[in-house]
Amino acid sequence: MRKLIAAALPAMFSLSTLAAEPAPAGYGAELEGFDYPHPIQHYAFKSQGENLRMAYLDVRPSKPNGRTVVLLHGKNFCAATWESSIAALSEAGYRVIAPDQIGFCKSSKPAHHQYSLHELAANTHALLQSLNVPRASIVGHSMGGMLGARYALMYPQASERLLLVNPIGLEDWKAQGVPWRSVDDNYARELKTDAATIKQYQQTVYYGGQWKPEYDRWVNMLAGLYAGPGRERVAWNQALTSEMVFTQPVVHEFPRLRVPTVLLIGQLDRTAINRDLASDELKAQLGLYPQLGRAAAKAIPNATLVEFDDLGHSPQVEAPERFNRALLKALSARAEGAAQSAP
């Protein structure tokens, strides 16, 4: 396994080293041309001198249970990637709100922006206030897990519970000695991204070397952004948010969380940022999610840990029915402070 880890593509968000395959049809800078499973709405606001708009899905159930769930996507994902979870949650009576964060997918790509998890959390809170949602359960995947933790720290009274799905940031890479990469270097690498590099990275790091045809849809979603007319703006925003994730760890603040928290962790995940810049010895110590999930569950007061032994970084994509059962159970149960195996 260590040899597999060391051979993984360089950095979580730098997908640039493999031979290119034919790219899918290019999409617009706000993912125009790629269909979402529900109608897109937009929340308009001004930030850092620019007029921006935040795309989001707001799916209301036919038989409401009075509760709202907010789904926060990862860096290499979009609101649409939650498609199966949205359907399961809606069927169970939850109102579901799934935003695309600024800089991602169908939302604005600013020309110049200082990104922070704090600001993305504030944007999300403002969106929920505009929708008259005073309190919701926050579900965050990958980078969205970092964002969800920051949201719960900033707005505990607005957070009914926190569910973290293979969040990145369960370790502080820079504190462990992983070198920093500049925005300019990130940008140069992002410009080389295509469908082949995205697929190879995800197969190696996310899915334990396995691949299913249904994953191709999400690869083409991302690759289409890089193949379209807004590729430079897309790559620039991705470079900025990569630097944000590397330099703004939340793991040290886990003991401060006061929101009932559940960690849902695919054990085959080996995601770690800037791994290629680390020494061989350090590389083998990064992204070990079985250890990281258990450490996080101990650090977060009264957290519950759910482990998917045979799944990787995206359990909601790999095994939707199993994941959705675990998700619904976590939303309905009290935090138990114990490790569990997913059904």
Protein backbone atom coordinates (compact mmCIF):
# COMPACT_ATOMS: atom_id res chain seq x y z
CA MET A 1 0.00 0.00 0.00
CA ARG A 2 2.86 2.40 0.78
CA LYS A 3 4.22 1.92 -2.71
CA LEU A 4 0.79 2.80 -4.09
CA ILE A 5 0.66 5.91 -1.96
CA ALA A 6 4.13 7.04 -2.98
CA ALA A 7 3.29 6.48 -6.65
CA ALA A 8 0.08 8.52 -6.46
CA LEU A 9 -0.14 11.68 -8.48
CA PRO A 10 1.65 14.62 -6.91
CA ALA A 11 -0.96 16.75 -5.22
CA MET A 12 -4.64 16.47 -4.56
CA PHE A 13 -5.53 19.31 -6.84
CA SER A 14 -2.69 19.10 -9.38
CA LEU A 15 -3.69 16.67 -12.09
CA SER A 16 -1.17 17.42 -14.76
CA THR A 17 1.43 14.74 -15.35
CA LEU A 18 -0.15 12.02 -17.45
CA ALA A 19 -0.65 11.78 -21.19
CA ALA A 20 -3.79 13.48 -22.32
CA GLU A 21 -6.92 11.70 -23.50
CA PRO A 22 -9.50 13.37 -25.74
CA ALA A 23 -11.30 15.98 -23.65
CA PRO A 24 -15.07 16.16 -23.39
CA ALA A 25 -16.93 19.02 -24.97
CA GLY A 26 -15.92 22.26 -23.28
CA TYR A 27 -18.32 23.82 -20.80
CA GLY A 28 -18.68 27.49 -19.96
CA ALA A 29 -16.82 29.14 -17.09
CA GLU A 30 -19.92 28.64 -14.92
CA LEU A 31 -20.37 25.07 -16.14
CA GLU A 32 -22.86 26.06 -18.79
CA GLY A 33 -23.75 22.99 -20.81
CA PHE A 34 -23.62 20.51 -17.95
CA ASP A 35 -27.05 19.66 -16.58
CA TYR A 36 -27.75 19.46 -12.85
CA PRO A 37 -30.42 17.12 -11.47
CA HIS A 38 -32.58 20.02 -10.24
CA PRO A 39 -33.14 23.66 -11.28
CA ILE A 40 -30.30 26.05 -10.50
CA GLN A 41 -30.96 29.19 -8.49
CA HIS A 42 -28.58 32.06 -7.77
CA TYR A 43 -27.79 34.17 -4.71
CA ALA A 44 -26.29 37.50 -5.78
CA PHE A 45 -24.02 39.56 -3.54
CA LYS A 46 -20.96 41.79 -3.62
CA SER A 47 -17.61 40.70 -2.19
CA GLN A 48 -14.12 42.20 -2.43
CA GLY A 49 -15.30 44.77 -4.95
CA GLU A 50 -16.91 42.32 -7.37
CA ASN A 51 -20.52 41.42 -8.05
CA LEU A 52 -20.77 37.66 -7.57
CA ARG A 53 -23.45 35.04 -7.75
CA MET A 54 -23.58 31.76 -5.90
CA ALA A 55 -25.41 28.92 -7.64
CA TYR A 56 -27.37 26.49 -5.50
CA LEU A 57 -29.99 23.77 -5.52
CA ASP A 58 -32.98 24.08 -3.19
CA VAL A 59 -34.94 20.84 -3.29
CA ARG A 60 -38.12 20.70 -1.24
CA PRO A 61 -39.68 17.37 -0.26
CA SER A 62 -43.26 16.41 -1.00
CA LYS A 63 -43.73 15.44 2.67
CA PRO A 64 -41.57 17.80 4.76
CA ASN A 65 -40.22 16.68 8.13
CA GLY A 66 -39.37 20.26 9.11
CA ARG A 67 -35.59 19.82 8.85
CA THR A 68 -33.03 21.16 6.38
CA VAL A 69 -29.75 19.61 5.25
CA VAL A 70 -26.99 21.65 3.59
CA LEU A 71 -24.60 19.69 1.36
CA LEU A 72 -21.11 21.16 0.87
CA HIS A 73 -19.11 19.85 -2.09
CA GLY A 74 -15.41 19.07 -2.25
CA LYS A 75 -12.80 20.86 -4.31
CA ASN A 76 -12.92 18.39 -7.20
CA PHE A 77 -16.70 18.09 -6.97
CA CYS A 78 -19.88 20.13 -7.48
CA ALA A 79 -23.36 20.31 -5.99
CA ALA A 80 -24.52 17.89 -8.69
CA THR A 81 -22.24 15.17 -7.31
CA TRP A 82 -24.67 14.90 -4.38
CA GLU A 83 -27.41 13.74 -6.79
CA SER A 84 -28.21 10.41 -5.12
CA SER A 85 -28.04 11.85 -1.61
CA ILE A 86 -30.37 14.69 -2.56
CA ALA A 87 -32.92 12.16 -3.79
CA ALA A 88 -32.66 10.04 -0.62
CA LEU A 89 -32.85 13.03 1.71
CA SER A 90 -35.79 14.57 -0.13
CA GLU A 91 -37.66 11.27 -0.06
CA ALA A 92 -37.09 11.14 3.71
CA GLY A 93 -38.67 14.58 4.12
CA TYR A 94 -35.62 16.84 4.32
CA ARG A 95 -35.32 20.12 2.51
CA VAL A 96 -31.94 20.00 0.77
CA ILE A 97 -29.78 23.00 -0.09
CA ALA A 98 -26.62 22.29 -2.09
CA PRO A 99 -24.56 25.34 -3.09
CA ASP A 100 -21.67 25.66 -5.47
CA GLN A 101 -19.15 27.77 -3.59
CA ILE A 102 -17.74 30.91 -5.21
CA GLY A 103 -14.92 29.88 -7.54
CA PHE A 104 -16.46 26.50 -8.31
CA CYS A 105 -18.74 24.86 -10.86
CA LYS A 106 -21.79 27.02 -11.69
CA SER A 107 -20.84 29.94 -9.42
CA SER A 108 -18.82 33.05 -10.24
CA LYS A 109 -15.08 32.79 -10.85
CA PRO A 110 -13.69 36.14 -9.60
CA ALA A 111 -10.78 37.73 -11.41
CA HIS A 112 -9.10 38.52 -8.09
CA HIS A 113 -10.16 37.04 -4.79
CA GLN A 114 -8.61 36.32 -1.42
CA TYR A 115 -10.16 33.00 -0.49
CA SER A 116 -10.70 31.83 3.05
CA LEU A 117 -12.79 29.10 4.63
CA HIS A 118 -14.19 31.80 6.89
CA GLU A 119 -15.49 33.75 3.90
CA LEU A 120 -16.98 30.68 2.20
CA ALA A 121 -18.72 29.85 5.48
CA ALA A 122 -20.03 33.41 5.75
CA ASN A 123 -21.30 33.25 2.16
CA THR A 124 -23.11 30.01 2.94
CA HIS A 125 -24.62 31.45 6.10
CA ALA A 126 -25.82 34.52 4.19
CA LEU A 127 -27.40 32.26 1.56
CA LEU A 128 -29.28 30.33 4.25
CA GLN A 129 -30.45 33.56 5.89
CA SER A 130 -31.77 34.76 2.52
CA LEU A 131 -33.74 31.50 2.31
CA ASN A 132 -35.10 31.88 5.85
CA VAL A 133 -33.26 28.81 7.10
CA PRO A 134 -32.14 29.64 10.66
CA ARG A 135 -30.81 26.17 11.48
CA ALA A 136 -29.68 23.19 9.42
CA SER A 137 -27.62 20.03 9.50
CA ILE A 138 -24.34 20.59 7.68
CA VAL A 139 -22.90 17.77 5.57
CA GLY A 140 -19.44 18.39 4.10
CA HIS A 141 -17.39 16.19 1.79
CA SER A 142 -13.64 16.53 1.16
CA MET A 143 -12.89 20.29 1.12
CA GLY A 144 -16.53 20.72 2.08
CA GLY A 145 -15.67 18.91 5.29
CA MET A 146 -13.10 21.58 6.14
CA LEU A 147 -15.69 24.20 5.28
CA GLY A 148 -18.39 22.44 7.31
CA ALA A 149 -16.14 22.36 10.37
CA ARG A 150 -15.37 26.06 9.96
CA TYR A 151 -19.09 26.79 9.54
CA ALA A 152 -19.97 24.91 12.73
CA LEU A 153 -17.23 26.76 14.62
CA MET A 154 -18.47 30.14 13.38
CA TYR A 155 -22.22 29.46 13.57
CA PRO A 156 -22.84 26.78 16.21
CA GLN A 157 -26.37 28.01 16.93
CA ALA A 158 -27.25 27.65 13.24
CA SER A 159 -25.79 24.13 13.04
CA GLU A 160 -28.10 21.34 14.13
CA ARG A 161 -25.40 18.74 13.55
CA LEU A 162 -22.24 18.27 11.52
CA LEU A 163 -21.53 15.31 9.24
CA LEU A 164 -18.06 15.06 7.74
CA VAL A 165 -17.64 12.73 4.74
CA ASN A 166 -13.96 11.92 4.14
CA PRO A 167 -13.00 15.50 4.92
CA ILE A 168 -9.57 16.70 3.96
CA GLY A 169 -7.71 18.59 6.64
CA LEU A 170 -7.77 15.80 9.21
CA GLU A 171 -4.03 16.45 9.34
CA ASP A 172 -2.02 19.68 9.07
CA TRP A 173 0.24 19.01 6.09
CA LYS A 174 2.41 22.10 6.50
CA ALA A 175 2.94 21.43 10.21
CA GLN A 176 4.07 17.91 9.31
CA GLY A 177 6.70 19.35 7.00
CA VAL A 178 4.99 19.19 3.61
CA PRO A 179 6.37 22.10 1.54
CA TRP A 180 4.17 24.95 0.38
CA ARG A 181 3.48 25.53 -3.32
CA SER A 182 2.90 29.05 -4.65
CA VAL A 183 -0.29 30.17 -6.37
CA ASP A 184 1.67 30.74 -9.58
CA ASP A 185 2.99 27.19 -9.52
CA ASN A 186 -0.49 25.86 -8.74
CA TYR A 187 -1.86 27.84 -11.67
CA ALA A 188 0.72 26.49 -14.13
CA ARG A 189 -0.13 22.94 -13.07
CA GLU A 190 -3.88 23.53 -13.20
CA LEU A 191 -3.60 24.70 -16.81
CA LYS A 192 -2.38 21.20 -17.74
CA THR A 193 -5.42 19.47 -16.26
CA ASP A 194 -7.55 17.30 -18.55
CA ALA A 195 -9.84 14.27 -18.36
CA ALA A 196 -6.94 11.81 -18.34
CA THR A 197 -5.12 13.42 -15.42
CA ILE A 198 -8.33 13.82 -13.44
CA LYS A 199 -9.30 10.19 -13.93
CA GLN A 200 -5.85 8.82 -13.11
CA TYR A 201 -5.57 10.91 -9.95
CA GLN A 202 -9.00 9.93 -8.70
CA GLN A 203 -8.52 6.26 -9.52
CA THR A 204 -5.19 6.15 -7.68
CA VAL A 205 -5.97 8.27 -4.63
CA TYR A 206 -9.77 8.22 -4.26
CA TYR A 207 -10.80 4.72 -5.27
CA GLY A 208 -7.92 2.43 -4.33
CA GLY A 209 -7.03 1.74 -7.96
CA GLN A 210 -10.58 0.75 -8.96
CA TRP A 211 -12.87 2.44 -11.47
CA LYS A 212 -16.53 2.24 -12.44
CA PRO A 213 -18.01 3.68 -15.65
CA GLU A 214 -20.43 5.83 -13.66
CA TYR A 215 -17.49 7.85 -12.30
CA ASP A 216 -16.74 9.14 -15.81
CA ARG A 217 -19.63 11.57 -15.65
CA TRP A 218 -17.98 13.48 -12.80
CA VAL A 219 -14.60 13.41 -14.51
CA ASN A 220 -16.12 14.91 -17.66
CA MET A 221 -17.90 17.54 -15.56
CA LEU A 222 -14.57 18.84 -14.27
CA ALA A 223 -12.62 18.30 -17.48
CA GLY A 224 -15.21 20.29 -19.43
CA LEU A 225 -14.45 23.35 -17.33
CA TYR A 226 -10.77 23.11 -18.25
CA ALA A 227 -11.59 22.46 -21.91
CA GLY A 228 -13.94 25.43 -22.22
CA PRO A 229 -13.45 29.13 -22.99
CA GLY A 230 -13.07 30.04 -19.31
CA ARG A 231 -10.22 27.62 -18.63
CA GLU A 232 -7.75 30.31 -17.50
CA ARG A 233 -10.22 31.79 -15.00
CA VAL A 234 -11.18 28.32 -13.81
CA ALA A 235 -7.52 27.33 -13.34
CA TRP A 236 -6.73 30.58 -11.52
CA ASN A 237 -9.55 30.12 -9.02
CA GLN A 238 -8.56 26.50 -8.48
CA ALA A 239 -4.99 27.61 -7.78
CA LEU A 240 -6.19 30.16 -5.23
CA THR A 241 -8.42 27.68 -3.44
CA SER A 242 -5.65 25.06 -3.36
CA GLU A 243 -3.47 27.52 -1.46
CA MET A 244 -6.41 28.28 0.85
CA VAL A 245 -6.87 24.64 1.76
CA PHE A 246 -3.18 24.05 2.39
CA THR A 247 -2.67 27.09 4.61
CA GLN A 248 -5.92 27.11 6.62
CA PRO A 249 -6.13 23.88 8.67
CA VAL A 250 -9.08 23.31 10.97
CA VAL A 251 -7.84 20.12 12.64
CA HIS A 252 -6.34 22.00 15.58
CA GLU A 253 -9.78 23.42 16.42
CA PHE A 254 -11.66 20.12 16.50
CA PRO A 255 -11.80 20.12 20.34
CA ARG A 256 -13.73 23.41 20.13
CA LEU A 257 -16.61 21.93 18.14
CA ARG A 258 -19.83 21.94 20.15
CA VAL A 259 -22.14 20.58 17.45
CA PRO A 260 -23.07 16.87 17.42
CA THR A 261 -20.65 15.44 14.86
CA VAL A 262 -20.52 12.26 12.80
CA LEU A 263 -17.51 11.26 10.70
CA LEU A 264 -18.24 9.00 7.71
CA ILE A 265 -14.90 7.70 6.51
CA GLY A 266 -14.04 5.49 3.54
CA GLN A 267 -11.00 3.58 4.72
CA LEU A 268 -9.28 3.29 1.31
CA ASP A 269 -8.90 7.06 0.93
CA ARG A 270 -5.29 8.32 0.72
CA THR A 271 -5.82 11.99 -0.10
CA ALA A 272 -3.06 14.39 0.97
CA ILE A 273 -2.18 17.79 -0.47
CA ASN A 274 1.27 18.48 -1.97
CA ARG A 275 2.38 14.93 -1.27
CA ASP A 276 4.79 15.09 -4.22
CA LEU A 277 6.82 17.79 -2.48
CA ALA A 278 7.38 15.69 0.64
CA SER A 279 10.23 13.29 1.33
CA ASP A 280 9.61 9.62 0.61
CA GLU A 281 9.46 8.90 4.32
CA LEU A 282 6.87 11.61 4.90
CA LYS A 283 4.80 10.64 1.85
CA ALA A 284 4.14 7.22 3.36
CA GLN A 285 2.77 8.84 6.51
CA LEU A 286 0.23 11.12 4.81
CA GLY A 287 -3.43 10.54 4.01
CA LEU A 288 -3.89 7.45 6.16
CA TYR A 289 -7.62 7.81 6.65
CA PRO A 290 -8.18 4.83 8.97
CA GLN A 291 -5.86 6.50 11.48
CA LEU A 292 -6.97 10.05 10.72
CA GLY A 293 -10.67 9.30 11.15
CA ARG A 294 -10.15 7.69 14.54
CA ALA A 295 -7.92 10.53 15.73
CA ALA A 296 -10.53 13.09 14.65
CA ALA A 297 -13.30 11.17 16.43
CA LYS A 298 -11.25 11.33 19.64
CA ALA A 299 -10.51 15.04 19.23
CA ILE A 300 -14.10 16.13 18.53
CA PRO A 301 -16.23 16.02 21.70
CA ASN A 302 -18.72 13.13 21.64
CA ALA A 303 -18.18 12.43 17.95
CA THR A 304 -19.42 9.28 16.25
CA LEU A 305 -17.24 7.50 13.69
CA VAL A 306 -18.75 5.43 10.86
CA GLU A 307 -16.21 3.47 8.81
CA PHE A 308 -16.68 2.09 5.28
CA ASP A 309 -14.01 -0.59 5.14
CA ASP A 310 -14.07 -1.11 1.36
CA LEU A 311 -14.72 2.44 0.13
CA GLY A 312 -12.49 5.43 -0.59
CA HIS A 313 -12.70 9.20 -0.76
CA SER A 314 -16.23 9.47 -2.15
CA PRO A 315 -18.53 6.88 -0.55
CA GLN A 316 -21.58 8.79 -1.77
CA VAL A 317 -20.38 8.17 -5.35
CA GLU A 318 -18.96 4.66 -4.90
CA ALA A 319 -21.87 3.07 -3.03
CA PRO A 320 -24.81 5.50 -3.01
CA GLU A 321 -27.39 3.22 -1.39
CA ARG A 322 -25.08 2.16 1.44
CA PHE A 323 -23.90 5.69 2.01
CA ASN A 324 -27.40 7.15 2.00
CA ARG A 325 -28.56 4.62 4.60
CA ALA A 326 -25.67 5.65 6.83
CA LEU A 327 -26.36 9.33 6.16
CA LEU A 328 -30.02 9.09 7.09
CA LYS A 329 -29.19 7.09 10.19
CA ALA A 330 -26.62 9.69 11.25
CA LEU A 331 -29.10 12.51 10.76
CA SER A 332 -31.77 10.82 12.83
CA ALA A 333 -29.65 9.32 15.62
CA ARG A 334 -28.08 10.97 18.60
CA ALA A 335 -24.29 11.26 18.59
CA GLU A 336 -23.01 8.21 20.40
CA GLY A 337 -19.28 8.84 20.66
CA ALA A 338 -18.40 5.38 19.35
CA ALA A 339 -16.87 3.80 16.26
CA GLN A 340 -19.19 1.85 13.98
CA SER A 341 -18.89 -0.18 10.81
CA ALA A 342 -21.20 1.04 8.07
CA PRO A 343 -24.01 -1.36 7.11
